[in-house]
PDB file of N, CA and C in Angstrom:
ATOM      1  N   MET A   1       1.210  -0.974  -0.427  1.00  0.00           N
ATOM      2  CA  MET A   1      -0.132  -0.114  -0.117  1.00  0.00           C
ATOM      3  C   MET A   1       1.071   1.542   0.447  1.00  0.00           C
ATOM      4  N   ARG A   2       0.695   2.112  -0.961  1.00  0.00           N
ATOM      5  CA  ARG A   2       1.231   3.493  -1.142  1.00  0.00           C
ATOM      6  C   ARG A   2       0.893   4.391   0.002  1.00  0.00           C
ATOM      7  N   LYS A   3       1.769   5.001   0.434  1.00  0.00           N
ATOM      8  CA  LYS A   3       1.375   6.018   1.429  1.00  0.00           C
ATOM      9  C   LYS A   3       1.185   7.686   0.935  1.00  0.00           C
ATOM     10  N   THR A   4       0.315   7.893   1.084  1.00  0.00           N
ATOM     11  CA  THR A   4       0.034   9.412   0.871  1.00  0.00           C
ATOM     12  C   THR A   4       0.581  10.737   1.134  1.00  0.00           C
ATOM     13  N   CYS A   5       0.145  11.667   1.156  1.00  0.00           N
ATOM     14  CA  CYS A   5       0.268  13.269   1.757  1.00  0.00           C
ATOM     15  C   CYS A   5      -0.761  13.247   2.826  1.00  0.00           C
ATOM     16  N   HIS A   6      -2.087  12.584   2.786  1.00  0.00           N
ATOM     17  CA  HIS A   6      -3.138  12.774   3.289  1.00  0.00           C
ATOM     18  C   HIS A   6      -2.534  11.653   4.576  1.00  0.00           C
ATOM     19  N   ASP A   7      -2.260  10.338   5.039  1.00  0.00           N
ATOM     20  CA  ASP A   7      -1.828  10.111   5.354  1.00  0.00           C
ATOM     21  C   ASP A   7      -0.751  10.680   6.615  1.00  0.00           C
ATOM     22  N   SER A   8       0.109  11.637   6.083  1.00  0.00           N
ATOM     23  CA  SER A   8       1.168  12.541   7.380  1.00  0.00           C
ATOM     24  C   SER A   8       0.126  12.759   7.347  1.00  0.00           C
ATOM     25  N   TYR A   9      -0.791  13.893   7.029  1.00  0.00           N
ATOM     26  CA  TYR A   9      -1.502  14.777   7.362  1.00  0.00           C
ATOM     27  C   TYR A   9      -2.483  14.311   8.742  1.00  0.00           C
ATOM     28  N   ARG A  10      -3.267  13.121   8.643  1.00  0.00           N
ATOM     29  CA  ARG A  10      -3.495  12.761   9.978  1.00  0.00           C
ATOM     30  C   ARG A  10      -3.160  12.631  10.531  1.00  0.00           C
ATOM     31  N   VAL A  11      -1.433  11.541  10.469  1.00  0.00           N
ATOM     32  CA  VAL A  11      -0.872  10.952  11.856  1.00  0.00           C
ATOM     33  C   VAL A  11      -0.242  12.642  12.202  1.00  0.00           C
ATOM     34  N   PHE A  12       0.029  13.673  11.725  1.00  0.00           N
ATOM     35  CA  PHE A  12       0.068  14.997  12.217  1.00  0.00           C
ATOM     36  C   PHE A  12      -1.245  15.329  13.039  1.00  0.00           C
ATOM     37  N   SER A  13      -1.720  14.932  12.702  1.00  0.00           N
ATOM     38  CA  SER A  13      -3.610  15.537  13.549  1.00  0.00           C
ATOM     39  C   SER A  13      -3.116  14.932  14.560  1.00  0.00           C
ATOM     40  N   LEU A  14      -3.041  13.808  14.441  1.00  0.00           N
ATOM     41  CA  LEU A  14      -3.270  12.992  16.001  1.00  0.00           C
ATOM     42  C   LEU A  14      -2.152  13.053  16.740  1.00  0.00           C
ATOM     43  N   LEU A  15      -1.258  13.713  16.210  1.00  0.00           N
ATOM     44  CA  LEU A  15       0.610  13.703  17.107  1.00  0.00           C
ATOM     45  C   LEU A  15       0.249  15.345  17.516  1.00  0.00           C
ATOM     46  N   LEU A  16      -0.300  16.068  17.049  1.00  0.00           N
ATOM     47  CA  LEU A  16      -0.440  17.257  17.583  1.00  0.00           C
ATOM     48  C   LEU A  16      -1.545  17.651  18.497  1.00  0.00           C
ATOM     49  N   ILE A  17      -2.419  16.617  18.505  1.00  0.00           N
ATOM     50  CA  ILE A  17      -3.825  16.570  19.314  1.00  0.00           C
ATOM     51  C   ILE A  17      -2.977  16.018  20.653  1.00  0.00           C
ATOM     52  N   GLY A  18      -2.429  15.093  20.502  1.00  0.00           N
ATOM     53  CA  GLY A  18      -2.119  14.652  21.669  1.00  0.00           C
ATOM     54  C   GLY A  18      -0.366  15.411  22.607  1.00  0.00           C
ATOM     55  N   TRP A  19       0.066  16.469  21.517  1.00  0.00           N
ATOM     56  CA  TRP A  19       0.943  17.447  21.925  1.00  0.00           C
ATOM     57  C   TRP A  19       0.134  18.278  22.725  1.00  0.00           C
ATOM     58  N   LEU A  20      -0.795  18.465  22.491  1.00  0.00           N
ATOM     59  CA  LEU A  20      -1.340  19.902  23.444  1.00  0.00           C
ATOM     60  C   LEU A  20      -1.596  19.275  24.102  1.00  0.00           C
ATOM     61  N   TYR A  21      -2.572  18.173  24.562  1.00  0.00           N
ATOM     62  CA  TYR A  21      -2.862  17.532  25.505  1.00  0.00           C
ATOM     63  C   TYR A  21      -1.730  17.514  26.841  1.00  0.00           C
ATOM     64  N   VAL A  22      -0.739  17.274  26.335  1.00  0.00           N
ATOM     65  CA  VAL A  22       0.356  16.910  27.508  1.00  0.00           C
ATOM     66  C   VAL A  22       0.762  18.523  27.878  1.00  0.00           C
ATOM     67  N   ALA A  23       0.960  19.508  25.995  1.00  0.00           N
ATOM     68  CA  ALA A  23       1.658  20.364  26.535  1.00  0.00           C
ATOM     69  C   ALA A  23       1.389  21.336  27.539  1.00  0.00           C
ATOM     70  N   ILE A  24      -0.266  21.519  27.045  1.00  0.00           N
ATOM     71  CA  ILE A  24      -0.243  22.727  28.442  1.00  0.00           C
ATOM     72  C   ILE A  24      -0.558  22.440  29.642  1.00  0.00           C
ATOM     73  N   PRO A  25      -0.923  21.400  30.258  1.00  0.00           N
ATOM     74  CA  PRO A  25      -0.247  21.162  31.734  1.00  0.00           C
ATOM     75  C   PRO A  25       1.358  21.007  31.829  1.00  0.00           C
ATOM     76  N   CYS A  26       1.790  20.906  31.378  1.00  0.00           N
ATOM     77  CA  CYS A  26       3.473  20.888  30.903  1.00  0.00           C
ATOM     78  C   CYS A  26       3.582  22.394  30.975  1.00  0.00           C
ATOM     79  N   VAL A  27       3.386  23.032  30.528  1.00  0.00           N
ATOM     80  CA  VAL A  27       3.665  24.698  30.385  1.00  0.00           C
ATOM     81  C   VAL A  27       3.081  25.022  31.606  1.00  0.00           C
ATOM     82  N   SER A  28       1.930  25.056  32.336  1.00  0.00           N
ATOM     83  CA  SER A  28       1.568  25.822  33.067  1.00  0.00           C
ATOM     84  C   SER A  28       2.128  25.048  34.569  1.00  0.00           C
ATOM     85  N   ILE A  29       2.490  23.893  34.770  1.00  0.00           N
ATOM     86  CA  ILE A  29       3.514  23.599  35.504  1.00  0.00           C
ATOM     87  C   ILE A  29       4.412  24.205  35.867  1.00  0.00           C
ATOM     88  N   GLY A  30       5.515  24.351  34.379  1.00  0.00           N
ATOM     89  CA  GLY A  30       6.866  24.768  34.758  1.00  0.00           C
ATOM     90  C   GLY A  30       6.863  26.210  34.985  1.00  0.00           C
ATOM     91  N   VAL A  31       5.656  26.819  34.424  1.00  0.00           N
ATOM     92  CA  VAL A  31       5.671  28.458  34.610  1.00  0.00           C
ATOM     93  C   VAL A  31       5.509  28.604  36.703  1.00  0.00           C
ATOM     94  N   ARG A  32       5.224  28.464  36.898  1.00  0.00           N
ATOM     95  CA  ARG A  32       4.547  28.016  38.578  1.00  0.00           C
ATOM     96  C   ARG A  32       5.935  27.581  38.931  1.00  0.00           C
ATOM     97  N   ARG A  33       6.472  26.638  38.731  1.00  0.00           N
ATOM     98  CA  ARG A  33       7.845  26.491  39.424  1.00  0.00           C
ATOM     99  C   ARG A  33       8.932  27.309  39.003  1.00  0.00           C
ATOM    100  N   LEU A  34       8.589  27.761  37.907  1.00  0.00           N
ATOM    101  CA  LEU A  34      10.165  28.682  37.442  1.00  0.00           C
ATOM    102  C   LEU A  34      10.010  30.092  38.149  1.00  0.00           C
ATOM    103  N   HIS A  35       8.712  30.093  38.517  1.00  0.00           N
ATOM    104  CA  HIS A  35       8.044  31.430  39.507  1.00  0.00           C
ATOM    105  C   HIS A  35       8.750  31.382  40.626  1.00  0.00           C
ATOM    106  N   ASP A  36       8.131  30.415  41.104  1.00  0.00           N
ATOM    107  CA  ASP A  36       9.267  29.511  42.422  1.00  0.00           C
ATOM    108  C   ASP A  36      10.128  30.587  42.623  1.00  0.00           C
ATOM    109  N   MET A  37      11.328  30.178  41.884  1.00  0.00           N
ATOM    110  CA  MET A  37      12.312  30.674  42.076  1.00  0.00           C
ATOM    111  C   MET A  37      13.092  31.838  41.589  1.00  0.00           C
ATOM    112  N   GLY A  38      11.725  32.535  40.856  1.00  0.00           N
ATOM    113  CA  GLY A  38      11.937  33.786  40.984  1.00  0.00           C
ATOM    114  C   GLY A  38      12.540  34.035  39.515  1.00  0.00           C
ATOM    115  N   LYS A  39      12.494  32.777  38.628  1.00  0.00           N
ATOM    116  CA  LYS A  39      12.403  33.155  37.210  1.00  0.00           C
ATOM    117  C   LYS A  39      11.369  33.418  35.889  1.00  0.00           C
ATOM    118  N   PRO A  40      11.833  33.945  35.318  1.00  0.00           N
ATOM    119  CA  PRO A  40      10.622  34.294  33.993  1.00  0.00           C
ATOM    120  C   PRO A  40      10.131  32.549  33.507  1.00  0.00           C
ATOM    121  N   GLY A  41       8.820  32.953  33.279  1.00  0.00           N
ATOM    122  CA  GLY A  41       8.140  31.297  33.205  1.00  0.00           C
ATOM    123  C   GLY A  41       7.850  31.467  31.580  1.00  0.00           C
ATOM    124  N   PHE A  42       8.751  32.163  30.888  1.00  0.00           N
ATOM    125  CA  PHE A  42       8.570  31.829  29.222  1.00  0.00           C
ATOM    126  C   PHE A  42      10.315  30.679  29.262  1.00  0.00           C
ATOM    127  N   LEU A  43      10.664  30.186  29.823  1.00  0.00           N
ATOM    128  CA  LEU A  43      11.360  29.203  29.978  1.00  0.00           C
ATOM    129  C   LEU A  43      11.160  27.750  29.464  1.00  0.00           C
ATOM    130  N   SER A  44       9.941  27.710  30.069  1.00  0.00           N
ATOM    131  CA  SER A  44       9.154  26.377  30.695  1.00  0.00           C
ATOM    132  C   SER A  44       8.537  26.306  28.386  1.00  0.00           C
ATOM    133  N   VAL A  45       8.509  27.430  27.896  1.00  0.00           N
ATOM    134  CA  VAL A  45       8.122  27.014  26.794  1.00  0.00           C
ATOM    135  C   VAL A  45       8.901  26.104  25.796  1.00  0.00           C
ATOM    136  N   PHE A  46      10.424  26.452  25.876  1.00  0.00           N
ATOM    137  CA  PHE A  46      11.395  25.870  25.103  1.00  0.00           C
ATOM    138  C   PHE A  46      11.515  24.748  24.807  1.00  0.00           C
ATOM    139  N   PRO A  47      11.387  24.058  25.667  1.00  0.00           N
ATOM    140  CA  PRO A  47      11.173  21.872  25.729  1.00  0.00           C
ATOM    141  C   PRO A  47      10.273  21.723  24.978  1.00  0.00           C
ATOM    142  N   GLN A  48       8.867  22.683  24.596  1.00  0.00           N
ATOM    143  CA  GLN A  48       7.842  22.359  23.693  1.00  0.00           C
ATOM    144  C   GLN A  48       7.717  22.700  22.671  1.00  0.00           C
ATOM    145  N   PHE A  49       8.556  23.736  21.836  1.00  0.00           N
ATOM    146  CA  PHE A  49       9.108  23.819  20.446  1.00  0.00           C
ATOM    147  C   PHE A  49      10.057  22.820  20.484  1.00  0.00           C
ATOM    148  N   GLY A  50      10.804  22.059  21.023  1.00  0.00           N
ATOM    149  CA  GLY A  50      11.684  21.099  20.365  1.00  0.00           C
ATOM    150  C   GLY A  50      10.966  20.003  20.442  1.00  0.00           C
ATOM    151  N   THR A  51       9.739  19.352  20.862  1.00  0.00           N
ATOM    152  CA  THR A  51       8.641  18.736  21.055  1.00  0.00           C
ATOM    153  C   THR A  51       8.075  18.621  19.923  1.00  0.00           C
ATOM    154  N   PHE A  52       7.561  19.634  19.381  1.00  0.00           N
ATOM    155  CA  PHE A  52       6.475  20.434  17.996  1.00  0.00           C
ATOM    156  C   PHE A  52       7.413  19.589  17.156  1.00  0.00           C
ATOM    157  N   PHE A  53       8.810  20.294  17.411  1.00  0.00           N
ATOM    158  CA  PHE A  53       9.197  19.869  15.971  1.00  0.00           C
ATOM    159  C   PHE A  53       9.344  18.850  15.477  1.00  0.00           C
ATOM    160  N   MET A  54       9.868  17.919  16.730  1.00  0.00           N
ATOM    161  CA  MET A  54       9.996  16.744  16.672  1.00  0.00           C
ATOM    162  C   MET A  54       8.733  16.135  16.603  1.00  0.00           C
ATOM    163  N   THR A  55       7.796  16.361  16.598  1.00  0.00           N
ATOM    164  CA  THR A  55       6.120  15.592  15.850  1.00  0.00           C
ATOM    165  C   THR A  55       6.068  16.181  14.911  1.00  0.00           C
ATOM    166  N   ILE A  56       6.580  16.906  14.399  1.00  0.00           N
ATOM    167  CA  ILE A  56       6.913  17.274  12.975  1.00  0.00           C
ATOM    168  C   ILE A  56       6.895  16.423  11.935  1.00  0.00           C
ATOM    169  N   CYS A  57       8.857  16.168  12.075  1.00  0.00           N
ATOM    170  CA  CYS A  57       9.562  15.589  11.739  1.00  0.00           C
ATOM    171  C   CYS A  57       9.182  13.488  11.721  1.00  0.00           C
ATOM    172  N   VAL A  58       8.496  12.997  12.974  1.00  0.00           N
ATOM    173  CA  VAL A  58       8.263  11.831  13.098  1.00  0.00           C
ATOM    174  C   VAL A  58       6.640  11.680  11.723  1.00  0.00           C
ATOM    175  N   ALA A  59       5.972  13.290  11.828  1.00  0.00           N
ATOM    176  CA  ALA A  59       4.508  12.494  11.148  1.00  0.00           C
ATOM    177  C   ALA A  59       4.967  12.742   9.678  1.00  0.00           C
ATOM    178  N   PHE A  60       6.025  13.032   9.274  1.00  0.00           N
ATOM    179  CA  PHE A  60       6.246  13.417   7.845  1.00  0.00           C
ATOM    180  C   PHE A  60       7.402  12.873   7.636  1.00  0.00           C
ATOM    181  N   GLN A  61       7.962  12.108   8.850  1.00  0.00           N
ATOM    182  CA  GLN A  61       9.374  10.792   8.286  1.00  0.00           C
ATOM    183  C   GLN A  61      10.371  11.382   7.985  1.00  0.00           C
ATOM    184  N   GLU A  62      10.423  12.417   8.567  1.00  0.00           N
ATOM    185  CA  GLU A  62      11.906  13.150   7.987  1.00  0.00           C
ATOM    186  C   GLU A  62      13.037  13.284   9.561  1.00  0.00           C
ATOM    187  N   ILE A  63      14.291  12.978   9.293  1.00  0.00           N
ATOM    188  CA  ILE A  63      15.138  12.480  10.382  1.00  0.00           C
ATOM    189  C   ILE A  63      15.783  14.485  10.241  1.00  0.00           C
ATOM    190  N   PRO A  64      15.959  14.599  11.205  1.00  0.00           N
ATOM    191  CA  PRO A  64      16.433  15.934  10.896  1.00  0.00           C
ATOM    192  C   PRO A  64      18.079  16.104  11.808  1.00  0.00           C
ATOM    193  N   ALA A  65      18.997  16.874  11.018  1.00  0.00           N
ATOM    194  CA  ALA A  65      19.990  16.976  10.957  1.00  0.00           C
ATOM    195  C   ALA A  65      20.458  16.959  12.858  1.00  0.00           C
ATOM    196  N   LEU A  66      21.872  16.390  12.869  1.00  0.00           N
ATOM    197  CA  LEU A  66      22.366  16.018  14.387  1.00  0.00           C
ATOM    198  C   LEU A  66      22.545  17.418  14.894  1.00  0.00           C
ATOM    199  N   PRO A  67      22.969  18.657  14.451  1.00  0.00           N
ATOM    200  CA  PRO A  67      22.982  19.502  15.135  1.00  0.00           C
ATOM    201  C   PRO A  67      21.469  20.099  15.586  1.00  0.00           C
ATOM    202  N   ILE A  68      20.502  20.068  14.921  1.00  0.00           N
ATOM    203  CA  ILE A  68      18.734  20.671  14.918  1.00  0.00           C
ATOM    204  C   ILE A  68      18.398  19.446  16.023  1.00  0.00           C
ATOM    205  N   THR A  69      18.561  17.891  16.661  1.00  0.00           N
ATOM    206  CA  THR A  69      18.676  17.517  17.333  1.00  0.00           C
ATOM    207  C   THR A  69      19.739  17.617  18.623  1.00  0.00           C
ATOM    208  N   LEU A  70      20.452  17.994  18.448  1.00  0.00           N
ATOM    209  CA  LEU A  70      20.971  18.252  19.493  1.00  0.00           C
ATOM    210  C   LEU A  70      20.385  19.694  20.044  1.00  0.00           C
ATOM    211  N   ALA A  71      20.564  20.769  19.699  1.00  0.00           N
ATOM    212  CA  ALA A  71      19.200  21.992  19.788  1.00  0.00           C
ATOM    213  C   ALA A  71      18.474  21.468  20.818  1.00  0.00           C
ATOM    214  N   VAL A  72      17.471  20.971  19.920  1.00  0.00           N
ATOM    215  CA  VAL A  72      16.219  20.352  20.793  1.00  0.00           C
ATOM    216  C   VAL A  72      16.099  19.484  22.361  1.00  0.00           C
ATOM    217  N   VAL A  73      17.300  18.772  22.461  1.00  0.00           N
ATOM    218  CA  VAL A  73      17.559  17.934  23.488  1.00  0.00           C
ATOM    219  C   VAL A  73      18.207  19.292  24.491  1.00  0.00           C
ATOM    220  N   ALA A  74      18.706  20.528  23.963  1.00  0.00           N
ATOM    221  CA  ALA A  74      18.907  21.404  24.609  1.00  0.00           C
ATOM    222  C   ALA A  74      17.730  21.579  25.483  1.00  0.00           C
ATOM    223  N   MET A  75      17.352  22.239  24.718  1.00  0.00           N
ATOM    224  CA  MET A  75      16.219  23.190  24.955  1.00  0.00           C
ATOM    225  C   MET A  75      14.703  22.692  25.899  1.00  0.00           C
ATOM    226  N   SER A  76      15.193  21.349  25.608  1.00  0.00           N
ATOM    227  CA  SER A  76      14.468  20.202  26.756  1.00  0.00           C
ATOM    228  C   SER A  76      15.264  20.377  27.672  1.00  0.00           C
ATOM    229  N   VAL A  77      16.611  19.769  27.559  1.00  0.00           N
ATOM    230  CA  VAL A  77      16.956  19.568  29.674  1.00  0.00           C
ATOM    231  C   VAL A  77      17.412  20.787  30.497  1.00  0.00           C
ATOM    232  N   ILE A  78      17.805  22.045  29.232  1.00  0.00           N
ATOM    233  CA  ILE A  78      17.792  23.291  30.228  1.00  0.00           C
ATOM    234  C   ILE A  78      17.107  23.787  31.600  1.00  0.00           C
ATOM    235  N   PRO A  79      15.627  23.577  30.742  1.00  0.00           N
ATOM    236  CA  PRO A  79      14.473  24.201  31.640  1.00  0.00           C
ATOM    237  C   PRO A  79      14.430  23.089  32.815  1.00  0.00           C
ATOM    238  N   LEU A  80      14.799  21.960  32.468  1.00  0.00           N
ATOM    239  CA  LEU A  80      14.896  20.810  33.468  1.00  0.00           C
ATOM    240  C   LEU A  80      15.716  21.021  34.513  1.00  0.00           C
ATOM    241  N   ILE A  81      16.851  21.570  34.038  1.00  0.00           N
ATOM    242  CA  ILE A  81      17.736  21.592  35.241  1.00  0.00           C
ATOM    243  C   ILE A  81      17.349  22.911  35.991  1.00  0.00           C
ATOM    244  N   PHE A  82      16.899  23.694  35.571  1.00  0.00           N
ATOM    245  CA  PHE A  82      16.315  25.408  36.255  1.00  0.00           C
ATOM    246  C   PHE A  82      15.368  24.731  36.972  1.00  0.00           C
ATOM    247  N   MET A  83      14.054  23.652  36.704  1.00  0.00           N
ATOM    248  CA  MET A  83      13.259  23.376  37.477  1.00  0.00           C
ATOM    249  C   MET A  83      13.564  22.417  38.862  1.00  0.00           C
ATOM    250  N   SER A  84      14.883  21.598  38.803  1.00  0.00           N
ATOM    251  CA  SER A  84      15.159  20.809  40.295  1.00  0.00           C
ATOM    252  C   SER A  84      15.980  21.952  40.774  1.00  0.00           C
ATOM    253  N   LEU A  85      16.150  23.033  40.852  1.00  0.00           N
ATOM    254  CA  LEU A  85      16.480  23.631  41.777  1.00  0.00           C
ATOM    255  C   LEU A  85      15.921  24.151  43.073  1.00  0.00           C
ATOM    256  N   PRO A  86      16.025  24.501  44.611  1.00  0.00           N
ATOM    257  CA  PRO A  86      15.022  24.962  45.054  1.00  0.00           C
ATOM    258  C   PRO A  86      14.614  26.166  45.034  1.00  0.00           C
ATOM    259  N   GLY A  87      13.514  26.400  44.971  1.00  0.00           N
ATOM    260  CA  GLY A  87      12.996  27.586  45.181  1.00  0.00           C
ATOM    261  C   GLY A  87      13.245  28.893  46.124  1.00  0.00           C
ATOM    262  N   GLU A  88      12.569  29.868  45.980  1.00  0.00           N
ATOM    263  CA  GLU A  88      13.325  31.103  47.084  1.00  0.00           C
ATOM    264  C   GLU A  88      12.324  30.990  48.060  1.00  0.00           C
ATOM    265  N   LYS A  89      12.855  31.568  49.181  1.00  0.00           N
ATOM    266  CA  LYS A  89      12.081  31.183  50.557  1.00  0.00           C
ATOM    267  C   LYS A  89      11.205  32.261  50.934  1.00  0.00           C
ATOM    268  N   LYS A  90      12.174  33.356  50.579  1.00  0.00           N
ATOM    269  CA  LYS A  90      10.936  34.542  50.391  1.00  0.00           C
ATOM    270  C   LYS A  90      10.371  34.860  48.996  1.00  0.00           C
ATOM    271  N   ALA A  91       9.346  36.280  49.556  1.00  0.00           N
ATOM    272  CA  ALA A  91       8.569  36.411  48.185  1.00  0.00           C
ATOM    273  C   ALA A  91       9.919  37.196  47.087  1.00  0.00           C
ATOM    274  N   ASN A  92       9.112  36.860  46.267  1.00  0.00           N
ATOM    275  CA  ASN A  92      10.015  37.766  44.816  1.00  0.00           C
ATOM    276  C   ASN A  92       9.076  38.191  44.319  1.00  0.00           C
ATOM    277  N   LYS A  93       9.089  38.823  42.915  1.00  0.00           N
ATOM    278  CA  LYS A  93       8.402  39.653  42.499  1.00  0.00           C
ATOM    279  C   LYS A  93       7.189  38.575  41.174  1.00  0.00           C
ATOM    280  N   TYR A  94       7.187  37.399  42.273  1.00  0.00           N
ATOM    281  CA  TYR A  94       6.318  36.661  41.695  1.00  0.00           C
ATOM    282  C   TYR A  94       4.965  36.471  42.337  1.00  0.00           C
ATOM    283  N   GLY A  95       5.251  36.936  43.642  1.00  0.00           N
ATOM    284  CA  GLY A  95       4.320  36.468  44.463  1.00  0.00           C
ATOM    285  C   GLY A  95       5.339  35.998  45.683  1.00  0.00           C
ATOM    286  N   ASN A  96       4.177  35.777  46.616  1.00  0.00           N
ATOM    287  CA  ASN A  96       4.533  34.337  47.775  1.00  0.00           C
ATOM    288  C   ASN A  96       5.127  33.431  47.555  1.00  0.00           C
ATOM    289  N   PRO A  97       6.055  32.436  48.013  1.00  0.00           N
ATOM    290  CA  PRO A  97       6.563  31.716  47.571  1.00  0.00           C
ATOM    291  C   PRO A  97       5.255  29.936  48.605  1.00  0.00           C
ATOM    292  N   CYS A  98       5.267  29.179  46.937  1.00  0.00           N
ATOM    293  CA  CYS A  98       3.907  28.185  47.753  1.00  0.00           C
ATOM    294  C   CYS A  98       4.592  27.760  49.022  1.00  0.00           C
ATOM    295  N   ASN A  99       3.595  27.258  49.887  1.00  0.00           N
ATOM    296  CA  ASN A  99       3.799  26.484  50.748  1.00  0.00           C
ATOM    297  C   ASN A  99       4.393  25.074  50.799  1.00  0.00           C
ATOM    298  N   ASP A 100       5.461  24.780  51.663  1.00  0.00           N
ATOM    299  CA  ASP A 100       5.949  23.259  51.621  1.00  0.00           C
ATOM    300  C   ASP A 100       4.862  22.540  51.701  1.00  0.00           C
ATOM    301  N   SER A 101       5.342  20.824  51.210  1.00  0.00           N
ATOM    302  CA  SER A 101       3.802  19.872  51.324  1.00  0.00           C
ATOM    303  C   SER A 101       3.817  19.536  52.537  1.00  0.00           C
ATOM    304  N   MET A 102       4.924  19.443  53.704  1.00  0.00           N
ATOM    305  CA  MET A 102       5.292  19.209  55.107  1.00  0.00           C
ATOM    306  C   MET A 102       4.430  20.184  55.869  1.00  0.00           C
ATOM    307  N   ASP A 103       4.484  21.516  55.292  1.00  0.00           N
ATOM    308  CA  ASP A 103       3.494  22.469  55.804  1.00  0.00           C
ATOM    309  C   ASP A 103       1.896  22.116  55.969  1.00  0.00           C
ATOM    310  N   VAL A 104       2.029  21.519  54.720  1.00  0.00           N
ATOM    311  CA  VAL A 104       0.236  22.221  54.520  1.00  0.00           C
ATOM    312  C   VAL A 104      -0.513  21.138  54.936  1.00  0.00           C
ATOM    313  N   LEU A 105       0.299  19.364  55.389  1.00  0.00           N
ATOM    314  CA  LEU A 105       0.088  18.759  56.024  1.00  0.00           C
ATOM    315  C   LEU A 105      -0.277  18.910  57.698  1.00  0.00           C
ATOM    316  N   LYS A 106       1.062  19.718  58.043  1.00  0.00           N
ATOM    317  CA  LYS A 106       1.040  19.982  59.849  1.00  0.00           C
ATOM    318  C   LYS A 106      -0.762  20.711  60.345  1.00  0.00           C
ATOM    319  N   GLU A 107      -1.101  21.267  59.147  1.00  0.00           N
ATOM    320  CA  GLU A 107      -2.095  22.355  59.139  1.00  0.00           C
ATOM    321  C   GLU A 107      -3.340  21.474  59.597  1.00  0.00           C
ATOM    322  N   PHE A 108      -3.397  20.191  58.600  1.00  0.00           N
ATOM    323  CA  PHE A 108      -4.261  19.239  58.876  1.00  0.00           C
ATOM    324  C   PHE A 108      -4.226  18.670  60.183  1.00  0.00           C
ATOM    325  N   ASN A 109      -3.250  18.212  60.905  1.00  0.00           N
ATOM    326  CA  ASN A 109      -3.097  17.541  62.393  1.00  0.00           C
ATOM    327  C   ASN A 109      -3.445  18.410  63.930  1.00  0.00           C
TER     328      ASN A 109
END
């Protein structure tokens, strides 16, 4: 069976819907976490650009060049490193810090 252009667009449509289903909550959580550290929230969008680019490559069966692949990996890893750092203990320009989970549990006891 011969693969047509319409098949690629169908695959892309399904992958796009799945990507949006995952990307929107990821960006929301990433923005909140970065704001806890006093960093701008737009950094959480960079991994989504890389994921979207790779989604296009998979749908249309194109293999990106090595430098592009490395750039996509860097766009995904750098924000993860930022998000693994501890947040600020005092209020910053984005607001008061979130309560620690143990503080929330102590309130219920």
